[in-house]
C-alpha atoms as a PDB file:
ATOM      1  CA  UNK A   1      24.551 -28.420   3.296  1.00  0.00           C
ATOM      2  CA  UNK A   2      21.744 -26.833   5.289  1.00  0.00           C
ATOM      3  CA  UNK A   3      18.906 -25.424   3.648  1.00  0.00           C
ATOM      4  CA  UNK A   4      18.123 -22.687   6.747  1.00  0.00           C
ATOM      5  CA  UNK A   5      19.206 -20.461   4.045  1.00  0.00           C
ATOM      6  CA  UNK A   6      17.383 -21.694   0.883  1.00  0.00           C
ATOM      7  CA  UNK A   7      14.831 -19.189  -0.451  1.00  0.00           C
ATOM      8  CA  UNK A   8      12.040 -19.407   1.287  1.00  0.00           C
ATOM      9  CA  UNK A   9       8.573 -19.267  -0.193  1.00  0.00           C
ATOM     10  CA  UNK A  10       7.483 -15.743   0.690  1.00  0.00           C
ATOM     11  CA  UNK A  11       4.240 -15.582  -0.466  1.00  0.00           C
ATOM     12  CA  UNK A  12       1.342 -17.590  -2.219  1.00  0.00           C
ATOM     13  CA  UNK A  13      -0.602 -15.793  -5.019  1.00  0.00           C
ATOM     14  CA  UNK A  14      -3.699 -14.390  -3.791  1.00  0.00           C
ATOM     15  CA  UNK A  15      -7.218 -15.120  -4.943  1.00  0.00           C
ATOM     16  CA  UNK A  16     -10.532 -12.873  -4.534  1.00  0.00           C
ATOM     17  CA  UNK A  17     -13.210 -14.408  -3.042  1.00  0.00           C
ATOM     18  CA  UNK A  18     -15.837 -14.297  -5.544  1.00  0.00           C
ATOM     19  CA  UNK A  19     -13.545 -16.912  -7.252  1.00  0.00           C
ATOM     20  CA  UNK A  20     -14.075 -20.332  -7.607  1.00  0.00           C
ATOM     21  CA  UNK A  21     -12.814 -22.514  -5.687  1.00  0.00           C
ATOM     22  CA  UNK A  22     -10.437 -23.594  -8.461  1.00  0.00           C
ATOM     23  CA  UNK A  23      -8.996 -20.591  -8.767  1.00  0.00           C
ATOM     24  CA  UNK A  24      -8.126 -20.821  -4.592  1.00  0.00           C
ATOM     25  CA  UNK A  25      -6.902 -23.947  -5.160  1.00  0.00           C
ATOM     26  CA  UNK A  26      -4.674 -22.705  -8.045  1.00  0.00           C
ATOM     27  CA  UNK A  27      -3.728 -20.207  -6.021  1.00  0.00           C
ATOM     28  CA  UNK A  28      -2.765 -22.075  -3.118  1.00  0.00           C
ATOM     29  CA  UNK A  29       0.025 -23.689  -5.252  1.00  0.00           C
ATOM     30  CA  UNK A  30       1.459 -21.178  -6.921  1.00  0.00           C
ATOM     31  CA  UNK A  31       4.765 -20.391  -6.235  1.00  0.00           C
ATOM     32  CA  UNK A  32       6.502 -17.095  -4.639  1.00  0.00           C
ATOM     33  CA  UNK A  33       5.538 -14.040  -7.462  1.00  0.00           C
ATOM     34  CA  UNK A  34       8.343 -12.485  -9.526  1.00  0.00           C
ATOM     35  CA  UNK A  35       7.276  -9.285  -8.748  1.00  0.00           C
ATOM     36  CA  UNK A  36       7.354  -9.743  -4.803  1.00  0.00           C
ATOM     37  CA  UNK A  37      10.791 -11.103  -5.224  1.00  0.00           C
ATOM     38  CA  UNK A  38      11.708  -8.318  -6.826  1.00  0.00           C
ATOM     39  CA  UNK A  39      10.851  -5.516  -4.464  1.00  0.00           C
ATOM     40  CA  UNK A  40      11.893  -7.559  -1.609  1.00  0.00           C
ATOM     41  CA  UNK A  41      15.464  -7.449  -3.280  1.00  0.00           C
ATOM     42  CA  UNK A  42      15.311  -4.226  -4.120  1.00  0.00           C
ATOM     43  CA  UNK A  43      14.040  -3.042  -0.761  1.00  0.00           C
ATOM     44  CA  UNK A  44      15.903  -5.946   1.465  1.00  0.00           C
ATOM     45  CA  UNK A  45      19.450  -3.626   1.447  1.00  0.00           C
ATOM     46  CA  UNK A  46      18.229  -0.693   1.232  1.00  0.00           C
ATOM     47  CA  UNK A  47      14.283   1.345   2.271  1.00  0.00           C
ATOM     48  CA  UNK A  48      12.779   2.992  -0.420  1.00  0.00           C
ATOM     49  CA  UNK A  49       9.580   4.577  -2.249  1.00  0.00           C
ATOM     50  CA  UNK A  50       7.468   3.393  -4.476  1.00  0.00           C
ATOM     51  CA  UNK A  51       8.950   5.215  -7.111  1.00  0.00           C
ATOM     52  CA  UNK A  52      12.605   4.344  -5.945  1.00  0.00           C
ATOM     53  CA  UNK A  53      11.502   0.531  -5.601  1.00  0.00           C
ATOM     54  CA  UNK A  54      10.206   0.597  -9.564  1.00  0.00           C
ATOM     55  CA  UNK A  55      13.625   1.763 -10.368  1.00  0.00           C
ATOM     56  CA  UNK A  56      15.665  -0.515  -9.291  1.00  0.00           C
ATOM     57  CA  UNK A  57      13.444  -3.014 -10.135  1.00  0.00           C
ATOM     58  CA  UNK A  58      11.891  -1.592 -13.199  1.00  0.00           C
ATOM     59  CA  UNK A  59       8.219  -2.547 -12.753  1.00  0.00           C
ATOM     60  CA  UNK A  60       5.551   0.526 -13.597  1.00  0.00           C
ATOM     61  CA  UNK A  61       4.611   2.036 -10.102  1.00  0.00           C
ATOM     62  CA  UNK A  62       1.143   1.013 -10.349  1.00  0.00           C
ATOM     63  CA  UNK A  63       2.575  -3.159  -9.962  1.00  0.00           C
ATOM     64  CA  UNK A  64       4.837  -1.969  -7.250  1.00  0.00           C
ATOM     65  CA  UNK A  65       1.717  -0.316  -5.880  1.00  0.00           C
ATOM     66  CA  UNK A  66      -0.453  -3.638  -6.307  1.00  0.00           C
ATOM     67  CA  UNK A  67       2.280  -6.162  -4.958  1.00  0.00           C
ATOM     68  CA  UNK A  68       3.251  -3.396  -1.662  1.00  0.00           C
ATOM     69  CA  UNK A  69      -0.733  -3.557  -0.657  1.00  0.00           C
ATOM     70  CA  UNK A  70       0.247  -7.882  -0.603  1.00  0.00           C
ATOM     71  CA  UNK A  71       3.396  -7.680   0.602  1.00  0.00           C
ATOM     72  CA  UNK A  72       2.615  -5.331   3.552  1.00  0.00           C
ATOM     73  CA  UNK A  73      -1.002  -7.717   4.326  1.00  0.00           C
ATOM     74  CA  UNK A  74       1.980 -10.818   4.370  1.00  0.00           C
ATOM     75  CA  UNK A  75       4.044  -8.789   7.209  1.00  0.00           C
ATOM     76  CA  UNK A  76       6.584  -8.870   4.961  1.00  0.00           C
ATOM     77  CA  UNK A  77       7.756  -5.102   4.637  1.00  0.00           C
ATOM     78  CA  UNK A  78       6.073  -2.563   6.439  1.00  0.00           C
ATOM     79  CA  UNK A  79       6.957   1.424   6.285  1.00  0.00           C
ATOM     80  CA  UNK A  80       9.776   3.393   7.811  1.00  0.00           C
ATOM     81  CA  UNK A  81       9.374   6.596   7.068  1.00  0.00           C
ATOM     82  CA  UNK A  82       8.731   8.701   4.222  1.00  0.00           C
ATOM     83  CA  UNK A  83      11.266   9.478   1.275  1.00  0.00           C
ATOM     84  CA  UNK A  84      10.786  11.882  -1.771  1.00  0.00           C
ATOM     85  CA  UNK A  85       8.914  10.829  -4.704  1.00  0.00           C
ATOM     86  CA  UNK A  86      11.490  11.579  -8.047  1.00  0.00           C
ATOM     87  CA  UNK A  87       8.849  14.449  -9.006  1.00  0.00           C
ATOM     88  CA  UNK A  88       9.557  15.554  -5.484  1.00  0.00           C
ATOM     89  CA  UNK A  89       6.501  14.814  -3.808  1.00  0.00           C
ATOM     90  CA  UNK A  90       6.413  12.591  -0.377  1.00  0.00           C
ATOM     91  CA  UNK A  91       5.955   9.241  -0.423  1.00  0.00           C
ATOM     92  CA  UNK A  92       6.007   6.605   1.913  1.00  0.00           C
ATOM     93  CA  UNK A  93       9.261   5.076   2.531  1.00  0.00           C
ATOM     94  CA  UNK A  94       9.234   0.608   2.753  1.00  0.00           C
ATOM     95  CA  UNK A  95      11.933  -1.354   4.440  1.00  0.00           C
ATOM     96  CA  UNK A  96      11.437  -5.736   4.355  1.00  0.00           C
ATOM     97  CA  UNK A  97      10.710  -7.675   7.415  1.00  0.00           C
ATOM     98  CA  UNK A  98      11.744 -10.380   6.569  1.00  0.00           C
ATOM     99  CA  UNK A  99      15.870 -11.504   6.172  1.00  0.00           C
ATOM    100  CA  UNK A 100      18.333 -13.963   6.035  1.00  0.00           C
ATOM    101  CA  UNK A 101      18.884 -13.120   9.531  1.00  0.00           C
ATOM    102  CA  UNK A 102      15.451 -13.546  11.205  1.00  0.00           C
ATOM    103  CA  UNK A 103      13.790 -16.583   8.784  1.00  0.00           C
ATOM    104  CA  UNK A 104      12.535 -18.847  11.316  1.00  0.00           C
ATOM    105  CA  UNK A 105      12.556 -15.890  13.747  1.00  0.00           C
ATOM    106  CA  UNK A 106      10.089 -13.627  12.696  1.00  0.00           C
ATOM    107  CA  UNK A 107       9.356 -11.906  15.868  1.00  0.00           C
ATOM    108  CA  UNK A 108      13.104 -10.708  15.187  1.00  0.00           C
ATOM    109  CA  UNK A 109      12.813  -8.008  12.506  1.00  0.00           C
ATOM    110  CA  UNK A 110      14.238  -5.213  13.707  1.00  0.00           C
END
């Protein structure tokens, strides 16, 4: 069976610039972030805003916010317009850019 659809390591943990070299080495070896994986799964089928992702994943809005920044920097998600939050305000809607259909072909994101 092909490993083509095996779950890829989507992004590694990050270390701050001011962290010692041992932290950077540990971050490079770290497995995929559990929160990041849950967020990607939550928006894989349907884009959602921060509060919607929090509801789908069971994470706090603060946790989702932090991971969304990491995922955007890694190019794994992108903004996809706006949506209404649970409180009625406007918030950015996000969608996954890396899916099984374009894994291995990063240029094909839509």
